[in-house]
Amino acid sequence: MMIPTSLPAPTTTQATADQRESRMRHKAQELEAAFLAEMLAHAGVAEAQGAMTGGIGEEQFASFLRREQANAIAQHGGLGLAESIFEAMKGAEGNEN
């Protein structure tokens, strides 16, 4: 038995466009996170300084910590770079058609 819904199902074209937009937004956020990770590295964030008393492991895994910190920053709005990248990607896609 089918239960009627109040909202019509999105058209295939709209669903595809939404998926593409979602992927573009995700890639833009990934790019911002990569940029932030590099900036954090150059700023000396999570450098092995014995602060975590992790010894040699601390030095080897500092880049993972920076990457996770950068991901968290980007996911919570970051610098606004992801939104600018997304808009540029969207505009470029519109110019291709």
N, C-alpha and C. Protein backbone atom coordinates (compact mmCIF):
# COMPACT_ATOMS: atom_id res chain seq x y z
N MET A 1 0.84 -1.17 0.00
CA MET A 1 0.00 0.00 0.00
C MET A 1 0.89 1.24 0.00
N MET A 2 0.65 2.16 -0.91
CA MET A 2 1.43 3.39 -1.00
C MET A 2 0.80 4.47 -0.14
N ILE A 3 1.62 5.16 0.56
CA ILE A 3 1.16 6.28 1.38
C ILE A 3 1.39 7.55 0.59
N PRO A 4 0.34 8.32 0.36
CA PRO A 4 0.51 9.55 -0.42
C PRO A 4 1.37 10.56 0.33
N THR A 5 2.19 11.26 -0.40
CA THR A 5 3.01 12.31 0.20
C THR A 5 2.49 13.66 -0.24
N SER A 6 2.75 14.65 0.54
CA SER A 6 2.26 15.99 0.20
C SER A 6 3.18 16.70 -0.77
N LEU A 7 4.45 16.27 -0.84
CA LEU A 7 5.39 16.90 -1.74
C LEU A 7 5.65 16.00 -2.94
N PRO A 8 5.66 16.55 -4.13
CA PRO A 8 5.96 15.73 -5.30
C PRO A 8 7.44 15.34 -5.30
N ALA A 9 7.73 14.19 -5.84
CA ALA A 9 9.13 13.75 -5.94
C ALA A 9 9.86 14.68 -6.90
N PRO A 10 11.12 15.01 -6.59
CA PRO A 10 11.87 15.89 -7.50
C PRO A 10 12.08 15.20 -8.84
N THR A 11 12.12 16.01 -9.86
CA THR A 11 12.36 15.45 -11.18
C THR A 11 13.79 14.94 -11.25
N THR A 12 14.03 14.04 -12.17
CA THR A 12 15.37 13.47 -12.31
C THR A 12 16.38 14.56 -12.61
N THR A 13 16.00 15.50 -13.45
CA THR A 13 16.91 16.60 -13.80
C THR A 13 17.25 17.43 -12.57
N GLN A 14 16.23 17.74 -11.76
CA GLN A 14 16.46 18.53 -10.55
C GLN A 14 17.32 17.76 -9.55
N ALA A 15 17.04 16.47 -9.39
CA ALA A 15 17.82 15.65 -8.46
C ALA A 15 19.28 15.59 -8.91
N THR A 16 19.50 15.44 -10.21
CA THR A 16 20.86 15.39 -10.74
C THR A 16 21.56 16.73 -10.51
N ALA A 17 20.87 17.82 -10.75
CA ALA A 17 21.45 19.14 -10.53
C ALA A 17 21.78 19.35 -9.06
N ASP A 18 20.91 18.91 -8.17
CA ASP A 18 21.17 19.03 -6.74
C ASP A 18 22.37 18.20 -6.32
N GLN A 19 22.49 17.00 -6.88
CA GLN A 19 23.65 16.14 -6.57
C GLN A 19 24.94 16.79 -7.05
N ARG A 20 24.93 17.35 -8.26
CA ARG A 20 26.13 18.02 -8.78
C ARG A 20 26.50 19.21 -7.90
N GLU A 21 25.49 19.96 -7.50
CA GLU A 21 25.74 21.12 -6.65
C GLU A 21 26.31 20.69 -5.30
N SER A 22 25.78 19.61 -4.76
CA SER A 22 26.26 19.08 -3.48
C SER A 22 27.72 18.63 -3.60
N ARG A 23 28.05 17.96 -4.70
CA ARG A 23 29.44 17.52 -4.92
C ARG A 23 30.37 18.71 -5.08
N MET A 24 29.93 19.73 -5.80
CA MET A 24 30.76 20.93 -5.98
C MET A 24 31.00 21.62 -4.64
N ARG A 25 29.96 21.71 -3.84
CA ARG A 25 30.10 22.34 -2.52
C ARG A 25 31.08 21.56 -1.65
N HIS A 26 30.98 20.22 -1.70
CA HIS A 26 31.88 19.36 -0.93
C HIS A 26 33.33 19.53 -1.39
N LYS A 27 33.56 19.56 -2.70
CA LYS A 27 34.92 19.73 -3.23
C LYS A 27 35.47 21.10 -2.87
N ALA A 28 34.63 22.12 -2.91
CA ALA A 28 35.08 23.46 -2.53
C ALA A 28 35.50 23.48 -1.06
N GLN A 29 34.74 22.78 -0.22
CA GLN A 29 35.08 22.70 1.20
C GLN A 29 36.38 21.93 1.41
N GLU A 30 36.58 20.87 0.64
CA GLU A 30 37.84 20.11 0.72
C GLU A 30 39.03 20.98 0.33
N LEU A 31 38.86 21.80 -0.70
CA LEU A 31 39.93 22.69 -1.13
C LEU A 31 40.25 23.72 -0.06
N GLU A 32 39.22 24.27 0.57
CA GLU A 32 39.45 25.22 1.66
C GLU A 32 40.18 24.54 2.81
N ALA A 33 39.81 23.31 3.13
CA ALA A 33 40.47 22.58 4.22
C ALA A 33 41.94 22.32 3.89
N ALA A 34 42.24 21.99 2.64
CA ALA A 34 43.64 21.77 2.24
C ALA A 34 44.44 23.06 2.37
N PHE A 35 43.83 24.17 1.96
CA PHE A 35 44.48 25.48 2.09
C PHE A 35 44.73 25.80 3.57
N LEU A 36 43.72 25.58 4.40
CA LEU A 36 43.86 25.86 5.83
C LEU A 36 44.93 24.98 6.47
N ALA A 37 45.01 23.71 6.07
CA ALA A 37 46.03 22.81 6.62
C ALA A 37 47.43 23.34 6.31
N GLU A 38 47.61 23.83 5.09
CA GLU A 38 48.92 24.40 4.72
C GLU A 38 49.21 25.66 5.52
N MET A 39 48.20 26.50 5.69
CA MET A 39 48.39 27.72 6.46
C MET A 39 48.72 27.40 7.92
N LEU A 40 48.03 26.41 8.49
CA LEU A 40 48.31 26.01 9.87
C LEU A 40 49.72 25.46 10.00
N ALA A 41 50.16 24.71 8.99
CA ALA A 41 51.52 24.15 9.02
C ALA A 41 52.56 25.27 9.01
N HIS A 42 52.34 26.27 8.15
CA HIS A 42 53.29 27.38 8.08
C HIS A 42 53.24 28.27 9.32
N ALA A 43 52.11 28.23 10.01
CA ALA A 43 51.98 29.00 11.25
C ALA A 43 52.59 28.25 12.44
N GLY A 44 52.93 26.97 12.22
CA GLY A 44 53.55 26.19 13.28
C GLY A 44 52.57 25.47 14.18
N VAL A 45 51.30 25.39 13.77
CA VAL A 45 50.30 24.71 14.58
C VAL A 45 50.57 23.22 14.57
N ALA A 46 50.48 22.60 15.71
CA ALA A 46 50.66 21.15 15.90
C ALA A 46 52.06 20.69 15.56
N GLU A 47 53.04 21.58 15.67
CA GLU A 47 54.42 21.14 15.48
C GLU A 47 54.85 20.34 16.69
N ALA A 48 55.71 19.40 16.45
CA ALA A 48 56.21 18.57 17.53
C ALA A 48 57.12 19.42 18.42
N GLN A 49 56.63 19.76 19.58
CA GLN A 49 57.39 20.55 20.53
C GLN A 49 57.40 19.90 21.91
N GLY A 50 56.95 18.66 21.93
CA GLY A 50 56.91 17.96 23.20
C GLY A 50 55.72 18.32 24.06
N ALA A 51 54.85 19.16 23.56
CA ALA A 51 53.70 19.61 24.34
C ALA A 51 52.76 18.46 24.66
N MET A 52 52.66 17.51 23.74
CA MET A 52 51.76 16.38 23.97
C MET A 52 52.53 15.17 24.51
N THR A 53 53.79 15.33 24.71
CA THR A 53 54.69 14.26 25.20
C THR A 53 54.51 12.95 24.43
N GLY A 54 54.38 13.10 23.11
CA GLY A 54 54.20 11.93 22.27
C GLY A 54 55.49 11.42 21.65
N GLY A 55 56.59 12.06 21.97
CA GLY A 55 57.87 11.63 21.42
C GLY A 55 57.90 11.71 19.91
N ILE A 56 58.54 10.73 19.28
CA ILE A 56 58.69 10.71 17.84
C ILE A 56 57.34 10.58 17.13
N GLY A 57 56.39 9.89 17.75
CA GLY A 57 55.06 9.73 17.16
C GLY A 57 54.35 11.05 17.01
N GLU A 58 54.58 11.95 17.97
CA GLU A 58 53.95 13.26 17.91
C GLU A 58 54.39 14.00 16.65
N GLU A 59 55.66 13.93 16.36
CA GLU A 59 56.19 14.59 15.17
C GLU A 59 55.61 13.99 13.89
N GLN A 60 55.50 12.67 13.86
CA GLN A 60 55.03 11.99 12.66
C GLN A 60 53.55 12.21 12.40
N PHE A 61 52.77 12.40 13.44
CA PHE A 61 51.32 12.52 13.26
C PHE A 61 50.80 13.95 13.35
N ALA A 62 51.68 14.91 13.46
CA ALA A 62 51.27 16.31 13.56
C ALA A 62 50.49 16.75 12.32
N SER A 63 50.86 16.23 11.15
CA SER A 63 50.15 16.62 9.92
C SER A 63 48.71 16.13 9.94
N PHE A 64 48.47 14.95 10.54
CA PHE A 64 47.10 14.43 10.64
C PHE A 64 46.26 15.34 11.53
N LEU A 65 46.85 15.79 12.61
CA LEU A 65 46.15 16.69 13.53
C LEU A 65 45.81 18.00 12.83
N ARG A 66 46.78 18.56 12.10
CA ARG A 66 46.53 19.81 11.37
C ARG A 66 45.41 19.62 10.35
N ARG A 67 45.43 18.49 9.65
CA ARG A 67 44.41 18.23 8.62
C ARG A 67 43.01 18.16 9.25
N GLU A 68 42.91 17.48 10.39
CA GLU A 68 41.61 17.38 11.07
C GLU A 68 41.16 18.74 11.60
N GLN A 69 42.10 19.52 12.11
CA GLN A 69 41.76 20.87 12.57
C GLN A 69 41.27 21.72 11.40
N ALA A 70 41.95 21.61 10.27
CA ALA A 70 41.55 22.36 9.07
C ALA A 70 40.18 21.92 8.59
N ASN A 71 39.91 20.61 8.61
CA ASN A 71 38.59 20.11 8.21
C ASN A 71 37.50 20.68 9.11
N ALA A 72 37.76 20.69 10.41
CA ALA A 72 36.78 21.21 11.37
C ALA A 72 36.52 22.69 11.13
N ILE A 73 37.57 23.44 10.86
CA ILE A 73 37.41 24.88 10.60
C ILE A 73 36.58 25.09 9.33
N ALA A 74 36.92 24.35 8.28
CA ALA A 74 36.21 24.50 7.00
C ALA A 74 34.73 24.10 7.13
N GLN A 75 34.45 23.05 7.90
CA GLN A 75 33.07 22.59 8.06
C GLN A 75 32.22 23.59 8.84
N HIS A 76 32.87 24.42 9.62
CA HIS A 76 32.12 25.40 10.42
C HIS A 76 32.22 26.81 9.85
N GLY A 77 32.36 26.89 8.53
CA GLY A 77 32.36 28.21 7.90
C GLY A 77 33.71 28.68 7.43
N GLY A 78 34.76 28.25 8.09
CA GLY A 78 36.11 28.58 7.67
C GLY A 78 36.32 30.06 7.42
N LEU A 79 36.99 30.33 6.33
CA LEU A 79 37.30 31.69 5.93
C LEU A 79 36.30 32.25 4.92
N GLY A 80 35.35 31.41 4.53
CA GLY A 80 34.42 31.79 3.49
C GLY A 80 34.97 31.48 2.10
N LEU A 81 36.14 30.87 2.08
CA LEU A 81 36.79 30.53 0.82
C LEU A 81 36.00 29.47 0.06
N ALA A 82 35.47 28.49 0.77
CA ALA A 82 34.71 27.41 0.11
C ALA A 82 33.51 27.97 -0.62
N GLU A 83 32.82 28.93 -0.04
CA GLU A 83 31.65 29.51 -0.69
C GLU A 83 32.05 30.27 -1.95
N SER A 84 33.16 30.99 -1.89
CA SER A 84 33.65 31.70 -3.08
C SER A 84 34.05 30.73 -4.18
N ILE A 85 34.72 29.65 -3.80
CA ILE A 85 35.12 28.63 -4.77
C ILE A 85 33.88 27.99 -5.38
N PHE A 86 32.90 27.66 -4.54
CA PHE A 86 31.67 27.05 -5.02
C PHE A 86 30.96 27.95 -6.02
N GLU A 87 30.83 29.22 -5.70
CA GLU A 87 30.16 30.16 -6.60
C GLU A 87 30.91 30.27 -7.93
N ALA A 88 32.25 30.26 -7.88
CA ALA A 88 33.04 30.31 -9.11
C ALA A 88 32.83 29.04 -9.93
N MET A 89 32.78 27.90 -9.27
CA MET A 89 32.54 26.63 -9.97
C MET A 89 31.16 26.62 -10.61
N LYS A 90 30.17 27.11 -9.87
CA LYS A 90 28.81 27.16 -10.37
C LYS A 90 28.72 28.09 -11.59
N GLY A 91 29.41 29.22 -11.49
CA GLY A 91 29.41 30.16 -12.61
C GLY A 91 30.11 29.59 -13.84
N ALA A 92 31.21 28.88 -13.60
CA ALA A 92 31.94 28.25 -14.70
C ALA A 92 31.09 27.17 -15.36
N GLU A 93 30.35 26.44 -14.56
CA GLU A 93 29.48 25.39 -15.10
C GLU A 93 28.38 26.02 -15.95
N GLY A 94 27.85 27.13 -15.52
CA GLY A 94 26.79 27.82 -16.26
C GLY A 94 27.30 28.37 -17.58
N ASN A 95 28.58 28.73 -17.63
CA ASN A 95 29.16 29.26 -18.86
C ASN A 95 29.47 28.18 -19.89
N GLU A 96 29.57 26.94 -19.43
CA GLU A 96 29.88 25.83 -20.34
C GLU A 96 28.68 25.46 -21.18
N ASN A 97 27.48 25.68 -20.66
CA ASN A 97 26.26 25.27 -21.39
C ASN A 97 25.94 26.18 -22.52
